[in-house]
Amino acid sequence: MKSITQLLHFGYHQAMSCIFPVAIFGTLFLSGVIEIPFLYRYDAILVILLAVQYLMYRSRLETRDEIKVICVFHIIGLLLEIYKVRMGSWSYPEPGFTKLFGVPLYSGFMYASVASYMCQVWRRLRMDMTGWPGLASSGLLGGAIYLNFFTHHFIPDFRWWLTGLVLIVFWKTWIIYRVRTVTYRMPLTLAFFIVGFFIWLAENIATFFNAWKYPDQHQGWQLVGFGKISSWFLLVIISVIIVAQLKHVKAARTTKDI
């Protein structure tokens, strides 16, 4: 009975942490079946997601610091989207006023939703880490991963080498999380893969609802290749590095103030 109670509490906190991602996919679905008057679909999605973020902040589901993190990820994601669309990796074929270099501004929120989930679950499950490698090694690795998303169009793709480095750099790192009064732990690299897998599932849902299209989906929707899981695995690592480092900085400042 205790294990069921723990599972229910864990599921509740996971569900609450997914409010913004669920809002995104709900909006993608509804905007695909319901025509919104006076607005292009991409513009309407942006307006709705901005409203959701405002309501989450006003209702204290998200803190001011979490909003700042989400803004950072929105910019990082938007820059990557602009580059990838320019290189023909995928496209946003529908019209819209809020498009920048062919990319709708709402697209950055899809990356920011990962940050929203991580900030929420970190706070709700009172997460911590042991064996964190520090800013130098984690920051350099995160930068190399992000750079590889751009450079692999011109030079060899180093994602598998980078994946190997992830296993080396984070092999001592464990996530500590708490459900009620019980403490659990998990290898960080396993958490990377789990979150990356679920983002891949979400990506299939998003492309099914025409949030964007890969070149092989223009004639009809088909499953996103399993190889994309590795891309999301690496992207999750960047997200965790940024969020974790910000948490460490904030904790150090709080301790110093005390």
Protein backbone atom coordinates (compact mmCIF):
# COMPACT_ATOMS: atom_id res chain seq x y z
CA MET A 1 0.00 0.00 0.00
CA LYS A 2 2.85 2.37 0.83
CA SER A 3 4.44 1.82 -2.59
CA ILE A 4 1.14 2.66 -4.31
CA THR A 5 0.84 5.84 -2.26
CA GLN A 6 4.40 6.80 -3.18
CA LEU A 7 3.70 6.14 -6.84
CA LEU A 8 0.56 8.28 -6.75
CA HIS A 9 2.42 11.16 -5.13
CA PHE A 10 5.26 10.81 -7.64
CA GLY A 11 2.77 10.76 -10.52
CA TYR A 12 0.99 13.84 -9.17
CA HIS A 13 4.19 15.88 -9.00
CA GLN A 14 5.23 14.69 -12.46
CA ALA A 15 1.82 15.69 -13.86
CA MET A 16 1.98 19.13 -12.21
CA SER A 17 5.48 19.60 -13.62
CA CYS A 18 4.16 18.90 -17.12
CA ILE A 19 1.48 21.62 -17.12
CA PHE A 20 3.25 23.84 -19.65
CA PRO A 21 4.27 21.01 -22.03
CA VAL A 22 0.69 19.69 -21.90
CA ALA A 23 -0.59 23.20 -22.61
CA ILE A 24 1.65 23.35 -25.68
CA PHE A 25 0.47 20.06 -27.14
CA GLY A 26 -3.13 20.80 -26.23
CA THR A 27 -2.86 24.10 -28.07
CA LEU A 28 -1.26 22.43 -31.09
CA PHE A 29 -4.10 19.92 -31.23
CA LEU A 30 -6.95 22.39 -30.77
CA SER A 31 -5.48 24.92 -33.21
CA GLY A 32 -5.26 22.13 -35.78
CA VAL A 33 -8.95 21.25 -35.60
CA ILE A 34 -10.48 24.62 -34.65
CA GLU A 35 -10.01 27.66 -36.86
CA ILE A 36 -9.29 30.77 -34.80
CA PRO A 37 -10.76 33.93 -36.38
CA PHE A 38 -8.59 36.96 -37.21
CA LEU A 39 -5.34 35.16 -36.42
CA TYR A 40 -3.04 32.82 -38.28
CA ARG A 41 -2.53 29.55 -36.45
CA TYR A 42 1.11 30.20 -35.53
CA ASP A 43 0.21 33.65 -34.15
CA ALA A 44 -2.68 32.26 -32.13
CA ILE A 45 -0.43 29.58 -30.60
CA LEU A 46 2.04 32.26 -29.49
CA VAL A 47 -0.70 34.37 -27.88
CA ILE A 48 -2.14 31.37 -26.04
CA LEU A 49 1.23 30.18 -24.74
CA LEU A 50 2.13 33.66 -23.52
CA ALA A 51 -1.21 33.75 -21.69
CA VAL A 52 -0.52 30.33 -20.14
CA GLN A 53 2.88 31.49 -18.90
CA TYR A 54 1.33 34.63 -17.42
CA LEU A 55 -1.37 32.61 -15.64
CA MET A 56 1.17 30.12 -14.30
CA TYR A 57 3.23 32.96 -12.88
CA ARG A 58 0.26 34.80 -11.40
CA SER A 59 -1.06 31.59 -9.82
CA ARG A 60 2.45 30.88 -8.42
CA LEU A 61 2.78 27.62 -10.31
CA GLU A 62 6.03 29.12 -11.59
CA THR A 63 8.42 31.44 -9.80
CA ARG A 64 10.14 34.51 -11.20
CA ASP A 65 13.46 32.64 -11.37
CA GLU A 66 11.79 29.84 -13.35
CA ILE A 67 10.36 32.38 -15.79
CA LYS A 68 13.88 33.73 -16.32
CA VAL A 69 15.17 30.22 -17.08
CA ILE A 70 12.31 29.67 -19.53
CA CYS A 71 13.18 32.91 -21.34
CA VAL A 72 16.81 31.81 -21.68
CA PHE A 73 15.74 28.48 -23.16
CA HIS A 74 13.28 30.19 -25.48
CA ILE A 75 16.12 32.23 -26.97
CA ILE A 76 18.47 29.22 -27.21
CA GLY A 77 15.75 27.14 -28.87
CA LEU A 78 14.70 29.90 -31.27
CA LEU A 79 18.27 30.41 -32.49
CA LEU A 80 18.60 26.69 -33.12
CA GLU A 81 15.23 26.61 -34.92
CA ILE A 82 16.19 29.49 -37.21
CA TYR A 83 19.43 27.75 -38.16
CA LYS A 84 17.83 24.33 -38.68
CA VAL A 85 15.03 25.72 -40.85
CA ARG A 86 17.57 27.64 -42.91
CA MET A 87 19.51 24.39 -43.43
CA GLY A 88 16.34 22.56 -44.51
CA SER A 89 16.18 20.17 -41.56
CA TRP A 90 12.46 20.94 -41.14
CA SER A 91 10.02 23.71 -42.00
CA TYR A 92 7.02 25.70 -40.83
CA PRO A 93 4.92 25.91 -44.01
CA GLU A 94 1.93 27.86 -42.65
CA PRO A 95 1.74 31.69 -42.80
CA GLY A 96 2.06 33.93 -39.75
CA PHE A 97 2.89 37.47 -38.73
CA THR A 98 5.06 36.34 -35.80
CA LYS A 99 7.62 34.48 -37.88
CA LEU A 100 11.31 35.36 -37.77
CA PHE A 101 13.39 34.09 -40.71
CA GLY A 102 10.66 31.56 -41.46
CA VAL A 103 10.35 30.36 -37.85
CA PRO A 104 7.29 31.14 -35.70
CA LEU A 105 8.20 32.69 -32.37
CA TYR A 106 6.13 30.13 -30.49
CA SER A 107 8.64 27.43 -31.46
CA GLY A 108 11.07 28.58 -28.77
CA PHE A 109 8.47 27.60 -26.18
CA MET A 110 8.84 23.95 -27.17
CA TYR A 111 12.41 24.08 -25.90
CA ALA A 112 11.39 26.25 -22.95
CA SER A 113 8.81 23.63 -21.97
CA VAL A 114 11.69 21.25 -21.22
CA ALA A 115 13.15 23.88 -18.90
CA SER A 116 9.74 24.45 -17.34
CA TYR A 117 9.40 20.75 -16.59
CA MET A 118 12.90 20.52 -15.12
CA CYS A 119 12.48 23.57 -12.90
CA GLN A 120 9.10 22.35 -11.69
CA VAL A 121 10.12 18.77 -10.99
CA TRP A 122 13.35 19.96 -9.32
CA ARG A 123 11.36 22.07 -6.88
CA ARG A 124 8.46 19.67 -6.33
CA LEU A 125 10.59 16.59 -5.72
CA ARG A 126 13.23 18.59 -3.78
CA MET A 127 15.92 17.33 -6.10
CA ASP A 128 19.63 17.48 -5.56
CA MET A 129 22.69 15.92 -7.18
CA THR A 130 25.78 14.16 -5.96
CA GLY A 131 29.02 13.95 -7.89
CA TRP A 132 28.31 17.03 -10.01
CA PRO A 133 31.40 17.51 -12.24
CA GLY A 134 31.47 21.29 -11.87
CA LEU A 135 31.08 24.25 -14.21
CA ALA A 136 34.28 23.78 -16.25
CA SER A 137 33.75 20.24 -17.53
CA SER A 138 29.93 20.35 -17.69
CA GLY A 139 29.91 23.80 -19.30
CA LEU A 140 32.47 22.86 -21.96
CA LEU A 141 30.61 19.65 -22.73
CA GLY A 142 27.26 21.47 -22.94
CA GLY A 143 28.78 24.07 -25.26
CA ALA A 144 30.28 21.37 -27.48
CA ILE A 145 26.94 19.57 -27.71
CA TYR A 146 25.09 22.76 -28.66
CA LEU A 147 27.78 23.67 -31.21
CA ASN A 148 27.54 20.21 -32.78
CA PHE A 149 23.87 20.84 -33.61
CA PHE A 150 25.13 23.62 -35.90
CA THR A 151 28.41 22.25 -37.23
CA HIS A 152 27.35 18.73 -38.23
CA HIS A 153 25.96 20.18 -41.46
CA PHE A 154 29.51 21.01 -42.56
CA ILE A 155 31.83 18.65 -40.66
CA PRO A 156 31.33 15.12 -39.29
CA ASP A 157 28.65 14.63 -36.65
CA PHE A 158 30.33 14.04 -33.30
CA ARG A 159 27.18 13.13 -31.36
CA TRP A 160 28.34 9.60 -30.53
CA TRP A 161 31.71 10.87 -29.35
CA LEU A 162 29.89 13.47 -27.27
CA THR A 163 27.58 10.78 -25.90
CA GLY A 164 30.67 8.85 -24.79
CA LEU A 165 32.00 11.98 -23.09
CA VAL A 166 28.67 12.39 -21.32
CA LEU A 167 29.01 8.91 -19.83
CA ILE A 168 32.56 9.73 -18.70
CA VAL A 169 31.87 13.19 -17.29
CA PHE A 170 28.64 12.26 -15.49
CA TRP A 171 29.34 8.65 -14.52
CA LYS A 172 29.57 9.59 -10.83
CA THR A 173 26.58 11.93 -10.91
CA TRP A 174 23.31 10.79 -9.31
CA ILE A 175 19.98 12.56 -8.99
CA ILE A 176 18.56 12.63 -5.48
CA TYR A 177 14.78 13.14 -5.31
CA ARG A 178 12.24 12.90 -2.55
CA VAL A 179 8.66 11.65 -2.52
CA ARG A 180 7.01 12.57 0.77
CA THR A 181 9.48 11.36 3.42
CA VAL A 182 11.32 8.80 1.27
CA THR A 183 14.52 9.63 -0.63
CA TYR A 184 15.38 7.95 -3.93
CA ARG A 185 18.25 8.25 -6.37
CA MET A 186 18.94 7.57 -10.04
CA PRO A 187 22.00 7.82 -12.32
CA LEU A 188 21.85 11.15 -14.14
CA THR A 189 22.63 9.59 -17.53
CA LEU A 190 19.60 7.28 -17.16
CA ALA A 191 17.44 10.33 -16.45
CA PHE A 192 18.85 11.96 -19.61
CA PHE A 193 17.72 9.01 -21.70
CA ILE A 194 14.26 8.73 -20.11
CA VAL A 195 13.47 12.41 -20.63
CA GLY A 196 14.91 12.30 -24.17
CA PHE A 197 12.69 9.33 -25.01
CA PHE A 198 9.55 11.09 -23.81
CA ILE A 199 10.48 14.23 -25.75
CA TRP A 200 10.80 12.03 -28.84
CA LEU A 201 7.27 10.75 -28.20
CA ALA A 202 6.09 14.34 -27.80
CA GLU A 203 7.84 15.25 -31.06
CA ASN A 204 5.82 12.60 -32.88
CA ILE A 205 2.64 14.09 -31.45
CA ALA A 206 3.72 17.61 -32.44
CA THR A 207 4.53 16.68 -36.05
CA PHE A 208 1.26 14.73 -36.27
CA PHE A 209 -0.56 17.97 -35.39
CA ASN A 210 1.55 19.89 -37.96
CA ALA A 211 3.54 21.94 -35.46
CA TRP A 212 6.37 21.55 -37.97
CA LYS A 213 7.27 19.10 -40.73
CA TYR A 214 10.37 17.10 -41.51
CA PRO A 215 11.23 16.75 -45.21
CA ASP A 216 9.89 13.16 -45.33
CA GLN A 217 6.56 14.21 -43.78
CA HIS A 218 5.35 16.62 -46.46
CA GLN A 219 3.54 13.88 -48.37
CA GLY A 220 2.01 12.46 -45.21
CA TRP A 221 2.84 12.00 -41.56
CA GLN A 222 5.17 9.19 -40.53
CA LEU A 223 7.00 8.25 -37.37
CA VAL A 224 10.02 10.40 -36.51
CA GLY A 225 13.17 8.29 -36.79
CA PHE A 226 14.48 6.63 -33.64
CA GLY A 227 17.82 8.32 -34.26
CA LYS A 228 16.23 11.58 -33.09
CA ILE A 229 16.20 10.18 -29.55
CA SER A 230 19.97 10.72 -29.45
CA SER A 231 19.47 14.37 -30.43
CA TRP A 232 16.97 14.90 -27.65
CA PHE A 233 19.23 12.99 -25.24
CA LEU A 234 21.97 15.52 -25.94
CA LEU A 235 19.59 18.48 -25.83
CA VAL A 236 18.30 17.37 -22.44
CA ILE A 237 21.90 17.34 -21.20
CA ILE A 238 22.28 21.01 -22.17
CA SER A 239 19.06 21.80 -20.33
CA VAL A 240 20.10 19.94 -17.19
CA ILE A 241 23.56 21.54 -17.18
CA ILE A 242 22.07 25.05 -17.34
CA VAL A 243 19.33 24.40 -14.77
CA ALA A 244 21.66 22.54 -12.39
CA GLN A 245 24.34 25.21 -12.59
CA LEU A 246 21.80 27.96 -11.92
CA LYS A 247 20.51 25.98 -8.93
CA HIS A 248 24.07 25.64 -7.60
CA VAL A 249 24.71 29.37 -8.03
CA LYS A 250 21.45 30.25 -6.28
CA ALA A 251 22.17 27.83 -3.42
CA ALA A 252 25.66 29.31 -2.97
CA ARG A 253 24.27 32.84 -2.86
CA THR A 254 21.62 31.82 -0.33
CA THR A 255 24.26 30.21 1.91
CA LYS A 256 26.49 33.27 1.64
CA ASP A 257 23.60 35.58 2.62
CA ILE A 258 22.98 33.45 5.69
